[in-house]
Amino acid sequence: MLKTFLLISLIAYVVGSSVVPEDTSVIGQWKVFCSEKLYCSDGFHCCDASHCCPNHQSCCWPKSDTRCCDRSI
């Protein structure tokens, strides 16, 4: 009985540690939450509550449409 319990515990531990949700950050990275439904991963920043841009680009709003633009513009 004890061997069965230990075996089941070991299997549960291995399965649980190998299953990683897709949206989990990699160690050393972090998420920036822009709203309750959106986050920008490492290397991106929030433009508004529904858009992210890479850190090397800024946010711009031509014709009220959110886009990522070069910082020189």
N, C-alpha and C. Protein backbone atom coordinates (compact mmCIF):
# COMPACT_ATOMS: atom_id res chain seq x y z
N MET A 1 0.83 -1.19 0.00
CA MET A 1 0.00 0.00 0.00
C MET A 1 0.87 1.25 0.00
N LEU A 2 1.90 1.25 0.82
CA LEU A 2 2.79 2.41 0.90
C LEU A 2 3.54 2.59 -0.41
N LYS A 3 3.97 1.48 -1.01
CA LYS A 3 4.67 1.56 -2.30
C LYS A 3 3.76 2.14 -3.38
N THR A 4 2.51 1.75 -3.39
CA THR A 4 1.55 2.27 -4.36
C THR A 4 1.36 3.77 -4.18
N PHE A 5 1.22 4.20 -2.94
CA PHE A 5 1.06 5.63 -2.66
C PHE A 5 2.29 6.41 -3.10
N LEU A 6 3.47 5.92 -2.80
CA LEU A 6 4.70 6.60 -3.20
C LEU A 6 4.84 6.65 -4.72
N LEU A 7 4.48 5.58 -5.40
CA LEU A 7 4.55 5.54 -6.85
C LEU A 7 3.58 6.55 -7.47
N ILE A 8 2.36 6.60 -6.96
CA ILE A 8 1.38 7.56 -7.46
C ILE A 8 1.84 8.99 -7.19
N SER A 9 2.40 9.24 -6.02
CA SER A 9 2.90 10.57 -5.68
C SER A 9 4.03 10.98 -6.61
N LEU A 10 4.93 10.06 -6.90
CA LEU A 10 6.05 10.34 -7.80
C LEU A 10 5.55 10.65 -9.20
N ILE A 11 4.61 9.87 -9.70
CA ILE A 11 4.05 10.12 -11.03
C ILE A 11 3.34 11.47 -11.07
N ALA A 12 2.56 11.79 -10.05
CA ALA A 12 1.86 13.07 -10.00
C ALA A 12 2.86 14.23 -9.97
N TYR A 13 3.95 14.07 -9.25
CA TYR A 13 4.97 15.12 -9.18
C TYR A 13 5.62 15.33 -10.54
N VAL A 14 5.99 14.25 -11.21
CA VAL A 14 6.63 14.35 -12.52
C VAL A 14 5.69 14.97 -13.54
N VAL A 15 4.45 14.53 -13.57
CA VAL A 15 3.48 15.08 -14.51
C VAL A 15 3.21 16.55 -14.20
N GLY A 16 3.04 16.89 -12.95
CA GLY A 16 2.77 18.27 -12.56
C GLY A 16 3.92 19.21 -12.85
N SER A 17 5.15 18.75 -12.71
CA SER A 17 6.29 19.63 -12.95
C SER A 17 6.62 19.75 -14.42
N SER A 18 6.16 18.82 -15.25
CA SER A 18 6.47 18.91 -16.67
C SER A 18 5.39 19.66 -17.45
N VAL A 19 4.23 19.87 -16.86
CA VAL A 19 3.15 20.60 -17.52
C VAL A 19 3.28 22.07 -17.14
N VAL A 20 3.57 22.90 -18.14
CA VAL A 20 3.72 24.33 -17.90
C VAL A 20 2.74 25.07 -18.78
N PRO A 21 1.91 25.93 -18.23
CA PRO A 21 0.98 26.70 -19.06
C PRO A 21 1.73 27.57 -20.06
N GLU A 22 1.12 27.79 -21.23
CA GLU A 22 1.78 28.54 -22.30
C GLU A 22 2.07 29.98 -21.93
N ASP A 23 1.21 30.60 -21.14
CA ASP A 23 1.39 32.01 -20.85
C ASP A 23 2.29 32.27 -19.64
N THR A 24 2.91 31.24 -19.10
CA THR A 24 3.81 31.44 -17.97
C THR A 24 5.13 32.00 -18.46
N SER A 25 5.62 33.00 -17.79
CA SER A 25 6.88 33.62 -18.18
C SER A 25 8.03 32.66 -17.94
N VAL A 26 9.06 32.82 -18.70
CA VAL A 26 10.30 32.09 -18.49
C VAL A 26 11.00 32.73 -17.31
N ILE A 27 11.77 31.95 -16.56
CA ILE A 27 12.49 32.50 -15.42
C ILE A 27 13.37 33.65 -15.89
N GLY A 28 13.32 34.75 -15.18
CA GLY A 28 14.11 35.93 -15.55
C GLY A 28 13.32 36.91 -16.39
N GLN A 29 12.13 36.53 -16.83
CA GLN A 29 11.28 37.44 -17.59
C GLN A 29 10.09 37.81 -16.73
N TRP A 30 9.36 38.82 -17.13
CA TRP A 30 8.21 39.26 -16.38
C TRP A 30 7.16 39.78 -17.32
N LYS A 31 5.97 39.96 -16.79
CA LYS A 31 4.85 40.45 -17.59
C LYS A 31 4.44 41.82 -17.10
N VAL A 32 4.06 42.68 -18.01
CA VAL A 32 3.52 43.99 -17.67
C VAL A 32 2.03 43.93 -18.01
N PHE A 33 1.19 44.04 -17.00
CA PHE A 33 -0.25 43.98 -17.24
C PHE A 33 -0.77 45.36 -17.61
N CYS A 34 -1.40 45.45 -18.78
CA CYS A 34 -1.97 46.70 -19.28
C CYS A 34 -3.42 46.84 -18.85
N SER A 35 -4.08 45.72 -18.68
CA SER A 35 -5.48 45.69 -18.26
C SER A 35 -5.73 44.31 -17.65
N GLU A 36 -6.96 44.05 -17.28
CA GLU A 36 -7.29 42.75 -16.71
C GLU A 36 -7.16 41.62 -17.72
N LYS A 37 -7.25 41.94 -19.02
CA LYS A 37 -7.25 40.90 -20.05
C LYS A 37 -5.99 40.87 -20.90
N LEU A 38 -5.08 41.83 -20.73
CA LEU A 38 -3.91 41.90 -21.60
C LEU A 38 -2.65 42.14 -20.80
N TYR A 39 -1.59 41.42 -21.17
CA TYR A 39 -0.28 41.70 -20.61
C TYR A 39 0.72 41.75 -21.74
N CYS A 40 1.76 42.51 -21.55
CA CYS A 40 2.87 42.57 -22.51
C CYS A 40 4.02 41.78 -21.92
N SER A 41 4.58 40.86 -22.67
CA SER A 41 5.68 40.08 -22.16
C SER A 41 6.97 40.89 -22.16
N ASP A 42 8.01 40.27 -21.66
CA ASP A 42 9.31 40.91 -21.55
C ASP A 42 9.75 41.39 -22.93
N GLY A 43 10.22 42.62 -23.01
CA GLY A 43 10.64 43.19 -24.28
C GLY A 43 9.57 44.04 -24.94
N PHE A 44 8.39 44.12 -24.33
CA PHE A 44 7.28 44.90 -24.87
C PHE A 44 6.77 45.87 -23.80
N HIS A 45 6.06 46.90 -24.22
CA HIS A 45 5.45 47.85 -23.28
C HIS A 45 4.01 48.12 -23.71
N CYS A 46 3.20 48.61 -22.77
CA CYS A 46 1.79 48.89 -23.03
C CYS A 46 1.63 50.20 -23.79
N CYS A 47 0.78 50.18 -24.78
CA CYS A 47 0.38 51.42 -25.46
C CYS A 47 -0.94 51.90 -24.88
N ASP A 48 -1.84 50.97 -24.69
CA ASP A 48 -3.13 51.25 -24.06
C ASP A 48 -3.63 49.93 -23.48
N ALA A 49 -4.89 49.85 -23.16
CA ALA A 49 -5.41 48.65 -22.51
C ALA A 49 -5.53 47.45 -23.42
N SER A 50 -5.22 47.61 -24.73
CA SER A 50 -5.37 46.47 -25.64
C SER A 50 -4.24 46.32 -26.65
N HIS A 51 -3.16 47.07 -26.51
CA HIS A 51 -2.06 46.99 -27.47
C HIS A 51 -0.70 47.02 -26.78
N CYS A 52 0.24 46.22 -27.31
CA CYS A 52 1.63 46.21 -26.85
C CYS A 52 2.54 46.52 -28.04
N CYS A 53 3.66 47.16 -27.76
CA CYS A 53 4.67 47.43 -28.78
C CYS A 53 6.03 46.97 -28.25
N PRO A 54 6.94 46.58 -29.15
CA PRO A 54 8.29 46.24 -28.72
C PRO A 54 8.95 47.45 -28.06
N ASN A 55 9.86 47.21 -27.13
CA ASN A 55 10.52 48.31 -26.42
C ASN A 55 11.26 49.26 -27.35
N HIS A 56 11.71 48.79 -28.52
CA HIS A 56 12.45 49.66 -29.43
C HIS A 56 11.53 50.52 -30.30
N GLN A 57 10.22 50.35 -30.15
CA GLN A 57 9.27 51.16 -30.90
C GLN A 57 8.36 51.90 -29.93
N SER A 58 7.87 53.05 -30.37
CA SER A 58 6.92 53.79 -29.54
C SER A 58 5.51 53.58 -30.07
N CYS A 59 4.55 54.00 -29.29
CA CYS A 59 3.15 53.90 -29.69
C CYS A 59 2.76 55.16 -30.45
N CYS A 60 1.97 55.00 -31.48
CA CYS A 60 1.43 56.16 -32.18
C CYS A 60 -0.02 55.84 -32.55
N TRP A 61 -0.78 56.88 -32.80
CA TRP A 61 -2.20 56.72 -33.03
C TRP A 61 -2.63 57.46 -34.29
N PRO A 62 -2.16 57.02 -35.47
CA PRO A 62 -2.62 57.68 -36.70
C PRO A 62 -4.10 57.34 -36.93
N LYS A 63 -4.88 58.36 -37.17
CA LYS A 63 -6.32 58.18 -37.44
C LYS A 63 -7.01 57.38 -36.32
N SER A 64 -6.60 57.63 -35.10
CA SER A 64 -7.18 56.98 -33.90
C SER A 64 -7.01 55.47 -33.90
N ASP A 65 -6.01 54.96 -34.61
CA ASP A 65 -5.73 53.54 -34.65
C ASP A 65 -4.36 53.31 -34.00
N THR A 66 -4.30 52.50 -32.95
CA THR A 66 -3.04 52.27 -32.24
C THR A 66 -2.09 51.44 -33.08
N ARG A 67 -0.87 51.91 -33.23
CA ARG A 67 0.17 51.21 -33.98
C ARG A 67 1.50 51.37 -33.28
N CYS A 68 2.46 50.54 -33.68
CA CYS A 68 3.84 50.65 -33.20
C CYS A 68 4.64 51.39 -34.27
N CYS A 69 5.36 52.43 -33.86
CA CYS A 69 6.11 53.25 -34.80
C CYS A 69 7.57 53.33 -34.37
N ASP A 70 8.44 53.66 -35.31
CA ASP A 70 9.84 53.88 -34.97
C ASP A 70 9.93 55.07 -34.03
N ARG A 71 10.86 55.03 -33.12
CA ARG A 71 11.00 56.11 -32.13
C ARG A 71 11.41 57.43 -32.77
N SER A 72 12.02 57.39 -33.95
CA SER A 72 12.46 58.62 -34.61
C SER A 72 11.30 59.42 -35.19
N ILE A 73 10.13 58.79 -35.32
CA ILE A 73 8.97 59.48 -35.90
C ILE A 73 8.25 60.28 -34.84
